Amino acid sequence: MSGHEVLRELRKQSSTPVLMFTGLGSEAERIQGLDFGADDYLPKTFSSPELLARLRALVRRSFLNNEEIKDRNEQRRELEQARDIQMGLLPRAIPEVSGLDIGSVWKPAKSVSGDYYDVIPAPGGKTVICIGDVSGKGMPAALLMANVQAAIKAFAPQNLPPAELCRRVNLILWSNSTGGRFMSLFFGLFDPQEQQVAYTCAGHNPPILLRSDGSETRLVVGGTVLGLFPDSEYETEIRPFKPGDRLVLFTDGVTECINAAEEEFGEERLRQTVRANSGANATSLAGSVIDAVCKHAGDTFQDDATLVVVHALPA
């Protein structure tokens, strides 16, 4: 085998530093040796001090590379553990709720996500369904999301009006967040018996409410995002939610996902996809929307993407 062939085979199984001795004089041939896996080279006429200096440099670089590899592996393990913890905070399975069919999709852009959704039983046969989006991505957003999730879990059983719950969560987020981080949140309290939903939309993308008669509206009442101002006030609105109605909650990672031509998926495509699949159950409808986004963007999500579909079932 030639020296180049030896290098090629060595690099398939080892990252051992290689110093190439070569009698080849041309620049192209030296470059070829480096491309095949050599870390440095010396001409065959060399001095012992230069050889030792180059070997010491190779060892130093090798040590640093090994340390970097160990650090990267440790970071990857920590991220994997964080992802497992975060997935444990989200609903492992959508609970069965009398009168409601609920489907969801959660796609983090990185190992961990700043997107949040939950389905929580509430007193009186009601059900909390919420969705949120922390500014930014990655670990800082995930930590803030966990903070909000814990607060909502604590407040939801108290049967608070959505506006009051958002006011309390806003104070917690404002006191705990740094660097101007904030979170949008839609908090809905569904009452299948009364066939209605009480909600607050705190700076979040207004969900699409598709009525059984084909009409459409958006749930926009609420207030500003959570965490920016300690004295923010919020409003609650109550809307009918009758059998056959569907509510589509989403984060901006769905509508702002771009394709190779830098065109966003957009809310119009979202609406068209929802209408085209309006006869499907909640899980299938959520899957159809995400499939359409994946097709649009070539399976590449630039931001965390979360979708929740709520369908009011016949009595």
C-alpha atoms as a PDB file:
ATOM      1  CA  MET A   1       0.000   0.000   0.000  1.00  0.00           C
ATOM      2  CA  SER A   2       1.095   3.543  -0.572  1.00  0.00           C
ATOM      3  CA  GLY A   3       1.405   5.966   2.303  1.00  0.00           C
ATOM      4  CA  HIS A   4      -1.828   7.640   1.220  1.00  0.00           C
ATOM      5  CA  GLU A   5      -3.658   4.297   1.248  1.00  0.00           C
ATOM      6  CA  VAL A   6      -2.328   3.545   4.743  1.00  0.00           C
ATOM      7  CA  LEU A   7      -3.628   6.939   5.936  1.00  0.00           C
ATOM      8  CA  ARG A   8      -7.038   6.335   4.420  1.00  0.00           C
ATOM      9  CA  GLU A   9      -7.391   2.942   6.160  1.00  0.00           C
ATOM     10  CA  LEU A  10      -6.045   4.291   9.462  1.00  0.00           C
ATOM     11  CA  ARG A  11      -8.566   7.118   9.524  1.00  0.00           C
ATOM     12  CA  LYS A  12     -11.437   4.624   9.199  1.00  0.00           C
ATOM     13  CA  GLN A  13     -10.676   3.262  12.674  1.00  0.00           C
ATOM     14  CA  SER A  14      -8.489   5.699  14.606  1.00  0.00           C
ATOM     15  CA  SER A  15      -7.917   9.366  15.395  1.00  0.00           C
ATOM     16  CA  THR A  16      -4.264   8.764  16.300  1.00  0.00           C
ATOM     17  CA  PRO A  17      -2.106  11.789  15.342  1.00  0.00           C
ATOM     18  CA  VAL A  18      -0.070  11.191  12.177  1.00  0.00           C
ATOM     19  CA  LEU A  19       3.092  13.007  11.134  1.00  0.00           C
ATOM     20  CA  MET A  20       3.852  12.295   7.489  1.00  0.00           C
ATOM     21  CA  PHE A  21       7.455  12.096   6.221  1.00  0.00           C
ATOM     22  CA  THR A  22       7.441  12.724   2.524  1.00  0.00           C
ATOM     23  CA  GLY A  23       9.892  13.050  -0.291  1.00  0.00           C
ATOM     24  CA  LEU A  24       7.095  14.393  -2.495  1.00  0.00           C
ATOM     25  CA  GLY A  25       7.889  17.923  -3.340  1.00  0.00           C
ATOM     26  CA  SER A  26       4.774  19.325  -4.982  1.00  0.00           C
ATOM     27  CA  GLU A  27       2.181  21.270  -3.023  1.00  0.00           C
ATOM     28  CA  ALA A  28      -0.668  19.236  -4.542  1.00  0.00           C
ATOM     29  CA  GLU A  29       0.831  15.957  -3.282  1.00  0.00           C
ATOM     30  CA  ARG A  30       1.350  17.328   0.212  1.00  0.00           C
ATOM     31  CA  ILE A  31      -2.219  18.596   0.287  1.00  0.00           C
ATOM     32  CA  GLN A  32      -3.424  15.166  -0.819  1.00  0.00           C
ATOM     33  CA  GLY A  33      -1.600  13.571   2.122  1.00  0.00           C
ATOM     34  CA  LEU A  34      -3.222  16.005   4.556  1.00  0.00           C
ATOM     35  CA  ASP A  35      -6.638  15.385   2.977  1.00  0.00           C
ATOM     36  CA  PHE A  36      -6.181  11.628   3.434  1.00  0.00           C
ATOM     37  CA  GLY A  37      -5.675  12.113   7.170  1.00  0.00           C
ATOM     38  CA  ALA A  38      -2.181  13.323   8.053  1.00  0.00           C
ATOM     39  CA  ASP A  39      -2.088  15.993  10.753  1.00  0.00           C
ATOM     40  CA  ASP A  40       1.267  17.454   9.702  1.00  0.00           C
ATOM     41  CA  TYR A  41       4.215  16.625   7.475  1.00  0.00           C
ATOM     42  CA  LEU A  42       7.982  16.916   7.282  1.00  0.00           C
ATOM     43  CA  PRO A  43      10.284  16.523   4.289  1.00  0.00           C
ATOM     44  CA  LYS A  44      12.561  13.518   4.535  1.00  0.00           C
ATOM     45  CA  THR A  45      15.483  15.880   5.149  1.00  0.00           C
ATOM     46  CA  PHE A  46      14.635  17.218   8.607  1.00  0.00           C
ATOM     47  CA  SER A  47      16.412  18.155  11.821  1.00  0.00           C
ATOM     48  CA  SER A  48      15.850  16.348  15.114  1.00  0.00           C
ATOM     49  CA  PRO A  49      14.824  19.553  16.985  1.00  0.00           C
ATOM     50  CA  GLU A  50      12.171  20.298  14.365  1.00  0.00           C
ATOM     51  CA  LEU A  51      10.893  16.715  14.517  1.00  0.00           C
ATOM     52  CA  LEU A  52      10.579  16.887  18.308  1.00  0.00           C
ATOM     53  CA  ALA A  53       8.864  20.282  18.151  1.00  0.00           C
ATOM     54  CA  ARG A  54       6.303  19.026  15.642  1.00  0.00           C
ATOM     55  CA  LEU A  55       5.661  15.858  17.676  1.00  0.00           C
ATOM     56  CA  ARG A  56       5.100  17.930  20.835  1.00  0.00           C
ATOM     57  CA  ALA A  57       2.626  20.123  18.916  1.00  0.00           C
ATOM     58  CA  LEU A  58       0.763  17.049  17.666  1.00  0.00           C
ATOM     59  CA  VAL A  59       0.512  15.622  21.180  1.00  0.00           C
ATOM     60  CA  ARG A  60      -0.792  18.934  22.541  1.00  0.00           C
ATOM     61  CA  ARG A  61      -3.451  19.143  19.816  1.00  0.00           C
ATOM     62  CA  SER A  62      -4.379  15.513  20.337  1.00  0.00           C
ATOM     63  CA  PHE A  63      -4.822  16.074  24.078  1.00  0.00           C
ATOM     64  CA  LEU A  64      -7.021  19.107  23.468  1.00  0.00           C
ATOM     65  CA  ASN A  65      -9.061  17.230  20.878  1.00  0.00           C
ATOM     66  CA  ASN A  66      -9.625  14.345  23.290  1.00  0.00           C
ATOM     67  CA  GLU A  67     -10.734  16.768  25.993  1.00  0.00           C
ATOM     68  CA  GLU A  68     -13.122  18.441  23.556  1.00  0.00           C
ATOM     69  CA  ILE A  69     -14.537  15.060  22.566  1.00  0.00           C
ATOM     70  CA  LYS A  70     -15.056  14.159  26.234  1.00  0.00           C
ATOM     71  CA  ASP A  71     -16.759  17.523  26.859  1.00  0.00           C
ATOM     72  CA  ARG A  72     -19.008  17.108  23.821  1.00  0.00           C
ATOM     73  CA  ASN A  73     -19.957  13.593  24.875  1.00  0.00           C
ATOM     74  CA  GLU A  74     -20.757  14.803  28.378  1.00  0.00           C
ATOM     75  CA  GLN A  75     -22.838  17.679  27.016  1.00  0.00           C
ATOM     76  CA  ARG A  76     -24.683  15.266  24.730  1.00  0.00           C
ATOM     77  CA  ARG A  77     -25.456  12.959  27.666  1.00  0.00           C
ATOM     78  CA  GLU A  78     -26.700  15.911  29.727  1.00  0.00           C
ATOM     79  CA  LEU A  79     -28.921  17.095  26.869  1.00  0.00           C
ATOM     80  CA  GLU A  80     -30.331  13.602  26.431  1.00  0.00           C
ATOM     81  CA  GLN A  81     -31.127  13.473  30.150  1.00  0.00           C
ATOM     82  CA  ALA A  82     -32.684  16.962  29.992  1.00  0.00           C
ATOM     83  CA  ARG A  83     -34.811  15.894  27.029  1.00  0.00           C
ATOM     84  CA  ASP A  84     -36.012  12.819  28.933  1.00  0.00           C
ATOM     85  CA  ILE A  85     -36.899  14.993  31.930  1.00  0.00           C
ATOM     86  CA  GLN A  86     -38.705  17.509  29.753  1.00  0.00           C
ATOM     87  CA  MET A  87     -40.690  14.836  27.949  1.00  0.00           C
ATOM     88  CA  GLY A  88     -41.705  13.560  31.383  1.00  0.00           C
ATOM     89  CA  LEU A  89     -43.121  17.004  32.205  1.00  0.00           C
ATOM     90  CA  LEU A  90     -45.314  16.994  29.092  1.00  0.00           C
ATOM     91  CA  PRO A  91     -48.356  14.701  28.899  1.00  0.00           C
ATOM     92  CA  ARG A  92     -47.103  11.138  28.330  1.00  0.00           C
ATOM     93  CA  ALA A  93     -50.499  10.383  26.849  1.00  0.00           C
ATOM     94  CA  ILE A  94     -53.472  12.668  26.341  1.00  0.00           C
ATOM     95  CA  PRO A  95     -55.951  11.815  29.101  1.00  0.00           C
ATOM     96  CA  GLU A  96     -59.436  10.759  28.084  1.00  0.00           C
ATOM     97  CA  VAL A  97     -61.822  13.650  28.647  1.00  0.00           C
ATOM     98  CA  SER A  98     -65.562  13.168  28.485  1.00  0.00           C
ATOM     99  CA  GLY A  99     -66.978  15.194  25.611  1.00  0.00           C
ATOM    100  CA  LEU A 100     -63.610  16.104  24.095  1.00  0.00           C
ATOM    101  CA  ASP A 101     -61.261  14.491  21.564  1.00  0.00           C
ATOM    102  CA  ILE A 102     -57.726  15.882  21.954  1.00  0.00           C
ATOM    103  CA  GLY A 103     -54.668  15.353  19.751  1.00  0.00           C
ATOM    104  CA  SER A 104     -51.199  16.875  19.914  1.00  0.00           C
ATOM    105  CA  VAL A 105     -47.777  17.008  18.238  1.00  0.00           C
ATOM    106  CA  TRP A 106     -44.583  18.365  19.872  1.00  0.00           C
ATOM    107  CA  LYS A 107     -41.447  18.776  17.724  1.00  0.00           C
ATOM    108  CA  PRO A 108     -38.435  20.459  19.351  1.00  0.00           C
ATOM    109  CA  ALA A 109     -35.961  22.144  17.009  1.00  0.00           C
ATOM    110  CA  LYS A 110     -33.107  21.084  19.339  1.00  0.00           C
ATOM    111  CA  SER A 111     -32.716  18.411  21.997  1.00  0.00           C
ATOM    112  CA  VAL A 112     -34.870  20.404  24.381  1.00  0.00           C
ATOM    113  CA  SER A 113     -37.668  22.852  23.703  1.00  0.00           C
ATOM    114  CA  GLY A 114     -39.190  26.113  24.885  1.00  0.00           C
ATOM    115  CA  ASP A 115     -42.630  25.025  23.670  1.00  0.00           C
ATOM    116  CA  TYR A 116     -45.142  23.878  26.255  1.00  0.00           C
ATOM    117  CA  TYR A 117     -48.554  22.294  26.243  1.00  0.00           C
ATOM    118  CA  ASP A 118     -50.611  20.457  28.819  1.00  0.00           C
ATOM    119  CA  VAL A 119     -53.981  18.829  29.459  1.00  0.00           C
ATOM    120  CA  ILE A 120     -54.976  19.002  33.140  1.00  0.00           C
ATOM    121  CA  PRO A 121     -58.196  17.851  34.853  1.00  0.00           C
ATOM    122  CA  ALA A 122     -59.914  20.650  36.767  1.00  0.00           C
ATOM    123  CA  PRO A 123     -62.727  20.622  39.338  1.00  0.00           C
ATOM    124  CA  GLY A 124     -66.341  20.291  38.220  1.00  0.00           C
ATOM    125  CA  GLY A 125     -65.661  18.092  35.201  1.00  0.00           C
ATOM    126  CA  LYS A 126     -63.684  20.844  33.473  1.00  0.00           C
ATOM    127  CA  THR A 127     -60.377  20.439  31.658  1.00  0.00           C
ATOM    128  CA  VAL A 128     -57.458  22.842  31.296  1.00  0.00           C
ATOM    129  CA  ILE A 129     -55.813  22.824  27.872  1.00  0.00           C
ATOM    130  CA  CYS A 130     -52.945  25.224  27.366  1.00  0.00           C
ATOM    131  CA  ILE A 131     -50.097  25.912  24.980  1.00  0.00           C
ATOM    132  CA  GLY A 132     -47.134  28.263  25.302  1.00  0.00           C
ATOM    133  CA  ASP A 133     -43.882  29.356  23.724  1.00  0.00           C
ATOM    134  CA  VAL A 134     -40.844  30.685  25.618  1.00  0.00           C
ATOM    135  CA  SER A 135     -38.688  33.186  23.756  1.00  0.00           C
ATOM    136  CA  GLY A 136     -35.527  31.590  22.407  1.00  0.00           C
ATOM    137  CA  LYS A 137     -34.594  27.928  22.082  1.00  0.00           C
ATOM    138  CA  GLY A 138     -32.478  25.316  23.786  1.00  0.00           C
ATOM    139  CA  MET A 139     -31.688  24.844  27.469  1.00  0.00           C
ATOM    140  CA  PRO A 140     -32.517  28.373  28.775  1.00  0.00           C
ATOM    141  CA  ALA A 141     -35.957  28.238  27.159  1.00  0.00           C
ATOM    142  CA  ALA A 142     -36.530  24.697  28.436  1.00  0.00           C
ATOM    143  CA  LEU A 143     -35.691  25.685  32.023  1.00  0.00           C
ATOM    144  CA  LEU A 144     -38.109  28.608  31.880  1.00  0.00           C
ATOM    145  CA  MET A 145     -40.764  26.370  30.340  1.00  0.00           C
ATOM    146  CA  ALA A 146     -40.402  23.928  33.254  1.00  0.00           C
ATOM    147  CA  ASN A 147     -40.881  26.819  35.683  1.00  0.00           C
ATOM    148  CA  VAL A 148     -44.137  27.845  34.001  1.00  0.00           C
ATOM    149  CA  GLN A 149     -45.335  24.259  33.734  1.00  0.00           C
ATOM    150  CA  ALA A 150     -44.901  23.763  37.485  1.00  0.00           C
ATOM    151  CA  ALA A 151     -46.796  26.977  38.245  1.00  0.00           C
ATOM    152  CA  ILE A 152     -49.723  26.063  35.991  1.00  0.00           C
ATOM    153  CA  LYS A 153     -49.861  22.548  37.491  1.00  0.00           C
ATOM    154  CA  ALA A 154     -50.136  24.150  40.937  1.00  0.00           C
ATOM    155  CA  PHE A 155     -52.793  26.723  40.000  1.00  0.00           C
ATOM    156  CA  ALA A 156     -55.000  24.672  37.637  1.00  0.00           C
ATOM    157  CA  PRO A 157     -56.775  22.627  40.382  1.00  0.00           C
ATOM    158  CA  GLN A 158     -57.795  25.864  42.101  1.00  0.00           C
ATOM    159  CA  ASN A 159     -60.346  26.531  39.330  1.00  0.00           C
ATOM    160  CA  LEU A 160     -59.106  30.111  38.897  1.00  0.00           C
ATOM    161  CA  PRO A 161     -60.459  32.246  36.054  1.00  0.00           C
ATOM    162  CA  PRO A 162     -57.948  32.122  33.180  1.00  0.00           C
ATOM    163  CA  ALA A 163     -57.138  35.836  33.529  1.00  0.00           C
ATOM    164  CA  GLU A 164     -56.282  35.456  37.218  1.00  0.00           C
ATOM    165  CA  LEU A 165     -54.141  32.401  36.550  1.00  0.00           C
ATOM    166  CA  CYS A 166     -52.208  34.280  33.869  1.00  0.00           C
ATOM    167  CA  ARG A 167     -51.730  37.220  36.224  1.00  0.00           C
ATOM    168  CA  ARG A 168     -50.184  34.937  38.861  1.00  0.00           C
ATOM    169  CA  VAL A 169     -47.981  33.066  36.386  1.00  0.00           C
ATOM    170  CA  ASN A 170     -46.830  36.398  34.958  1.00  0.00           C
ATOM    171  CA  LEU A 171     -45.606  37.518  38.403  1.00  0.00           C
ATOM    172  CA  ILE A 172     -43.734  34.244  38.924  1.00  0.00           C
ATOM    173  CA  LEU A 173     -42.127  34.425  35.496  1.00  0.00           C
ATOM    174  CA  TRP A 174     -41.213  38.092  35.893  1.00  0.00           C
ATOM    175  CA  SER A 175     -39.521  37.440  39.248  1.00  0.00           C
ATOM    176  CA  ASN A 176     -37.617  34.355  38.036  1.00  0.00           C
ATOM    177  CA  SER A 177     -36.582  35.191  34.465  1.00  0.00           C
ATOM    178  CA  THR A 178     -33.515  37.169  33.390  1.00  0.00           C
ATOM    179  CA  GLY A 179     -32.354  38.869  30.241  1.00  0.00           C
ATOM    180  CA  GLY A 180     -35.793  39.980  29.094  1.00  0.00           C
ATOM    181  CA  ARG A 181     -37.069  36.462  28.472  1.00  0.00           C
ATOM    182  CA  PHE A 182     -40.826  36.053  28.186  1.00  0.00           C
ATOM    183  CA  MET A 183     -43.476  33.536  27.241  1.00  0.00           C
ATOM    184  CA  SER A 184     -46.682  33.572  25.266  1.00  0.00           C
ATOM    185  CA  LEU A 185     -49.517  31.422  26.615  1.00  0.00           C
ATOM    186  CA  PHE A 186     -53.015  30.378  25.676  1.00  0.00           C
ATOM    187  CA  PHE A 187     -54.910  29.042  28.684  1.00  0.00           C
ATOM    188  CA  GLY A 188     -58.318  27.493  28.083  1.00  0.00           C
ATOM    189  CA  LEU A 189     -60.739  26.087  30.650  1.00  0.00           C
ATOM    190  CA  PHE A 190     -63.084  23.727  28.795  1.00  0.00           C
ATOM    191  CA  ASP A 191     -66.483  22.819  30.217  1.00  0.00           C
ATOM    192  CA  PRO A 192     -68.097  20.074  28.082  1.00  0.00           C
ATOM    193  CA  GLN A 193     -71.243  20.081  30.219  1.00  0.00           C
ATOM    194  CA  GLU A 194     -71.885  23.770  29.616  1.00  0.00           C
ATOM    195  CA  GLN A 195     -70.476  23.440  26.070  1.00  0.00           C
ATOM    196  CA  GLN A 196     -68.170  26.404  26.445  1.00  0.00           C
ATOM    197  CA  VAL A 197     -64.538  27.428  26.888  1.00  0.00           C
ATOM    198  CA  ALA A 198     -63.272  30.250  29.112  1.00  0.00           C
ATOM    199  CA  TYR A 199     -59.852  31.418  27.967  1.00  0.00           C
ATOM    200  CA  THR A 200     -57.108  34.023  28.076  1.00  0.00           C
ATOM    201  CA  CYS A 201     -54.674  34.504  25.209  1.00  0.00           C
ATOM    202  CA  ALA A 202     -51.530  36.079  26.679  1.00  0.00           C
ATOM    203  CA  GLY A 203     -49.621  37.273  23.623  1.00  0.00           C
ATOM    204  CA  HIS A 204     -49.932  33.875  21.941  1.00  0.00           C
ATOM    205  CA  ASN A 205     -50.918  33.070  18.357  1.00  0.00           C
ATOM    206  CA  PRO A 206     -54.736  33.235  18.501  1.00  0.00           C
ATOM    207  CA  PRO A 207     -56.096  29.680  18.111  1.00  0.00           C
ATOM    208  CA  ILE A 208     -58.391  28.893  15.178  1.00  0.00           C
ATOM    209  CA  LEU A 209     -61.950  27.969  16.184  1.00  0.00           C
ATOM    210  CA  LEU A 210     -63.667  26.120  13.334  1.00  0.00           C
ATOM    211  CA  ARG A 211     -67.398  25.795  13.967  1.00  0.00           C
ATOM    212  CA  SER A 212     -69.438  22.769  12.959  1.00  0.00           C
ATOM    213  CA  ASP A 213     -71.315  24.973  10.460  1.00  0.00           C
ATOM    214  CA  GLY A 214     -68.041  25.834   8.678  1.00  0.00           C
ATOM    215  CA  SER A 215     -67.674  29.332  10.097  1.00  0.00           C
ATOM    216  CA  GLU A 216     -64.375  30.353  11.599  1.00  0.00           C
ATOM    217  CA  THR A 217     -63.159  32.729  14.295  1.00  0.00           C
ATOM    218  CA  ARG A 218     -60.019  33.413  16.344  1.00  0.00           C
ATOM    219  CA  LEU A 219     -59.682  33.528  20.127  1.00  0.00           C
ATOM    220  CA  VAL A 220     -57.818  36.805  20.659  1.00  0.00           C
ATOM    221  CA  VAL A 221     -58.912  38.196  24.039  1.00  0.00           C
ATOM    222  CA  GLY A 222     -56.279  38.225  26.779  1.00  0.00           C
ATOM    223  CA  GLY A 223     -53.285  40.473  27.182  1.00  0.00           C
ATOM    224  CA  THR A 224     -49.547  40.759  26.674  1.00  0.00           C
ATOM    225  CA  VAL A 225     -46.906  38.031  26.950  1.00  0.00           C
ATOM    226  CA  LEU A 226     -45.937  36.722  30.383  1.00  0.00           C
ATOM    227  CA  GLY A 227     -42.782  37.791  32.188  1.00  0.00           C
ATOM    228  CA  LEU A 228     -42.068  41.265  30.833  1.00  0.00           C
ATOM    229  CA  PHE A 229     -44.056  43.496  33.200  1.00  0.00           C
ATOM    230  CA  PRO A 230     -45.062  42.715  36.798  1.00  0.00           C
ATOM    231  CA  ASP A 231     -48.319  44.679  36.635  1.00  0.00           C
ATOM    232  CA  SER A 232     -49.733  43.215  33.411  1.00  0.00           C
ATOM    233  CA  GLU A 233     -53.489  42.668  33.477  1.00  0.00           C
ATOM    234  CA  TYR A 234     -55.445  40.028  31.553  1.00  0.00           C
ATOM    235  CA  GLU A 235     -59.015  39.439  30.410  1.00  0.00           C
ATOM    236  CA  THR A 236     -61.114  36.281  30.248  1.00  0.00           C
ATOM    237  CA  GLU A 237     -63.574  35.592  27.445  1.00  0.00           C
ATOM    238  CA  ILE A 238     -66.151  32.784  27.355  1.00  0.00           C
ATOM    239  CA  ARG A 239     -67.058  31.283  23.992  1.00  0.00           C
ATOM    240  CA  PRO A 240     -69.512  28.494  23.113  1.00  0.00           C
ATOM    241  CA  PHE A 241     -67.777  25.228  22.256  1.00  0.00           C
ATOM    242  CA  LYS A 242     -70.463  22.958  20.927  1.00  0.00           C
ATOM    243  CA  PRO A 243     -70.375  19.425  19.477  1.00  0.00           C
ATOM    244  CA  GLY A 244     -68.629  19.414  16.120  1.00  0.00           C
ATOM    245  CA  ASP A 245     -66.529  22.495  16.880  1.00  0.00           C
ATOM    246  CA  ARG A 246     -62.726  22.211  16.565  1.00  0.00           C
ATOM    247  CA  LEU A 247     -60.085  24.398  18.168  1.00  0.00           C
ATOM    248  CA  VAL A 248     -56.541  24.391  16.737  1.00  0.00           C
ATOM    249  CA  LEU A 249     -53.826  25.717  19.058  1.00  0.00           C
ATOM    250  CA  PHE A 250     -50.312  26.188  17.666  1.00  0.00           C
ATOM    251  CA  THR A 251     -46.957  27.835  18.275  1.00  0.00           C
ATOM    252  CA  ASP A 252     -45.217  30.070  15.739  1.00  0.00           C
ATOM    253  CA  GLY A 253     -42.791  27.264  14.901  1.00  0.00           C
ATOM    254  CA  VAL A 254     -45.656  25.857  12.815  1.00  0.00           C
ATOM    255  CA  THR A 255     -46.622  28.946  10.836  1.00  0.00           C
ATOM    256  CA  GLU A 256     -43.132  30.498  10.572  1.00  0.00           C
ATOM    257  CA  CYS A 257     -41.391  27.346   9.334  1.00  0.00           C
ATOM    258  CA  ILE A 258     -39.713  28.248   6.017  1.00  0.00           C
ATOM    259  CA  ASN A 259     -38.813  26.267   2.923  1.00  0.00           C
ATOM    260  CA  ALA A 260     -35.725  26.493   0.702  1.00  0.00           C
ATOM    261  CA  ALA A 261     -37.169  29.602  -0.945  1.00  0.00           C
ATOM    262  CA  GLU A 262     -37.559  31.190   2.537  1.00  0.00           C
ATOM    263  CA  GLU A 263     -41.359  31.140   2.255  1.00  0.00           C
ATOM    264  CA  GLU A 264     -43.190  30.677   5.555  1.00  0.00           C
ATOM    265  CA  PHE A 265     -45.781  27.954   5.914  1.00  0.00           C
ATOM    266  CA  GLY A 266     -48.072  30.719   7.125  1.00  0.00           C
ATOM    267  CA  GLU A 267     -51.498  30.853   8.697  1.00  0.00           C
ATOM    268  CA  GLU A 268     -53.310  30.616   5.372  1.00  0.00           C
ATOM    269  CA  ARG A 269     -51.757  27.204   4.626  1.00  0.00           C
ATOM    270  CA  LEU A 270     -52.552  26.188   8.188  1.00  0.00           C
ATOM    271  CA  ARG A 271     -56.213  27.163   7.748  1.00  0.00           C
ATOM    272  CA  GLN A 272     -56.438  25.364   4.422  1.00  0.00           C
ATOM    273  CA  THR A 273     -54.933  22.194   5.892  1.00  0.00           C
ATOM    274  CA  VAL A 274     -57.293  22.298   8.860  1.00  0.00           C
ATOM    275  CA  ARG A 275     -60.325  22.708   6.589  1.00  0.00           C
ATOM    276  CA  ALA A 276     -59.150  19.992   4.207  1.00  0.00           C
ATOM    277  CA  ASN A 277     -58.943  17.553   7.153  1.00  0.00           C
ATOM    278  CA  SER A 278     -61.864  18.839   9.224  1.00  0.00           C
ATOM    279  CA  GLY A 279     -63.573  15.439   9.162  1.00  0.00           C
ATOM    280  CA  ALA A 280     -60.607  13.687  10.818  1.00  0.00           C
ATOM    281  CA  ASN A 281     -60.290  13.019  14.522  1.00  0.00           C
ATOM    282  CA  ALA A 282     -58.085  15.303  16.616  1.00  0.00           C
ATOM    283  CA  THR A 283     -54.949  13.154  16.459  1.00  0.00           C
ATOM    284  CA  SER A 284     -55.182  12.660  12.694  1.00  0.00           C
ATOM    285  CA  LEU A 285     -55.842  16.355  12.115  1.00  0.00           C
ATOM    286  CA  ALA A 286     -52.796  17.352  14.190  1.00  0.00           C
ATOM    287  CA  GLY A 287     -50.676  14.816  12.289  1.00  0.00           C
ATOM    288  CA  SER A 288     -51.919  16.072   8.915  1.00  0.00           C
ATOM    289  CA  VAL A 289     -50.939  19.647   9.776  1.00  0.00           C
ATOM    290  CA  ILE A 290     -47.427  18.663  10.885  1.00  0.00           C
ATOM    291  CA  ASP A 291     -47.042  16.472   7.793  1.00  0.00           C
ATOM    292  CA  ALA A 292     -47.955  19.480   5.641  1.00  0.00           C
ATOM    293  CA  VAL A 293     -45.392  21.637   7.470  1.00  0.00           C
ATOM    294  CA  CYS A 294     -42.701  18.952   7.039  1.00  0.00           C
ATOM    295  CA  LYS A 295     -43.475  18.695   3.328  1.00  0.00           C
ATOM    296  CA  HIS A 296     -43.281  22.469   2.985  1.00  0.00           C
ATOM    297  CA  ALA A 297     -39.979  22.784   4.851  1.00  0.00           C
ATOM    298  CA  GLY A 298     -38.277  19.546   3.814  1.00  0.00           C
ATOM    299  CA  ASP A 299     -38.407  18.091   7.347  1.00  0.00           C
ATOM    300  CA  THR A 300     -36.328  20.990   8.699  1.00  0.00           C
ATOM    301  CA  PHE A 301     -37.795  22.951  11.599  1.00  0.00           C
ATOM    302  CA  GLN A 302     -36.061  26.229  12.458  1.00  0.00           C
ATOM    303  CA  ASP A 303     -38.019  26.616  15.713  1.00  0.00           C
ATOM    304  CA  ASP A 304     -39.861  24.416  18.164  1.00  0.00           C
ATOM    305  CA  ALA A 305     -43.265  23.452  16.747  1.00  0.00           C
ATOM    306  CA  THR A 306     -46.273  22.375  18.805  1.00  0.00           C
ATOM    307  CA  LEU A 307     -49.882  21.777  17.802  1.00  0.00           C
ATOM    308  CA  VAL A 308     -52.935  20.817  19.868  1.00  0.00           C
ATOM    309  CA  VAL A 309     -56.353  20.044  18.386  1.00  0.00           C
ATOM    310  CA  VAL A 310     -59.496  19.946  20.524  1.00  0.00           C
ATOM    311  CA  HIS A 311     -62.727  18.509  19.074  1.00  0.00           C
ATOM    312  CA  ALA A 312     -66.052  18.794  20.898  1.00  0.00           C
ATOM    313  CA  LEU A 313     -67.810  15.430  20.624  1.00  0.00           C
ATOM    314  CA  PRO A 314     -71.568  14.868  20.337  1.00  0.00           C
ATOM    315  CA  ALA A 315     -73.263  14.360  23.690  1.00  0.00           C
END
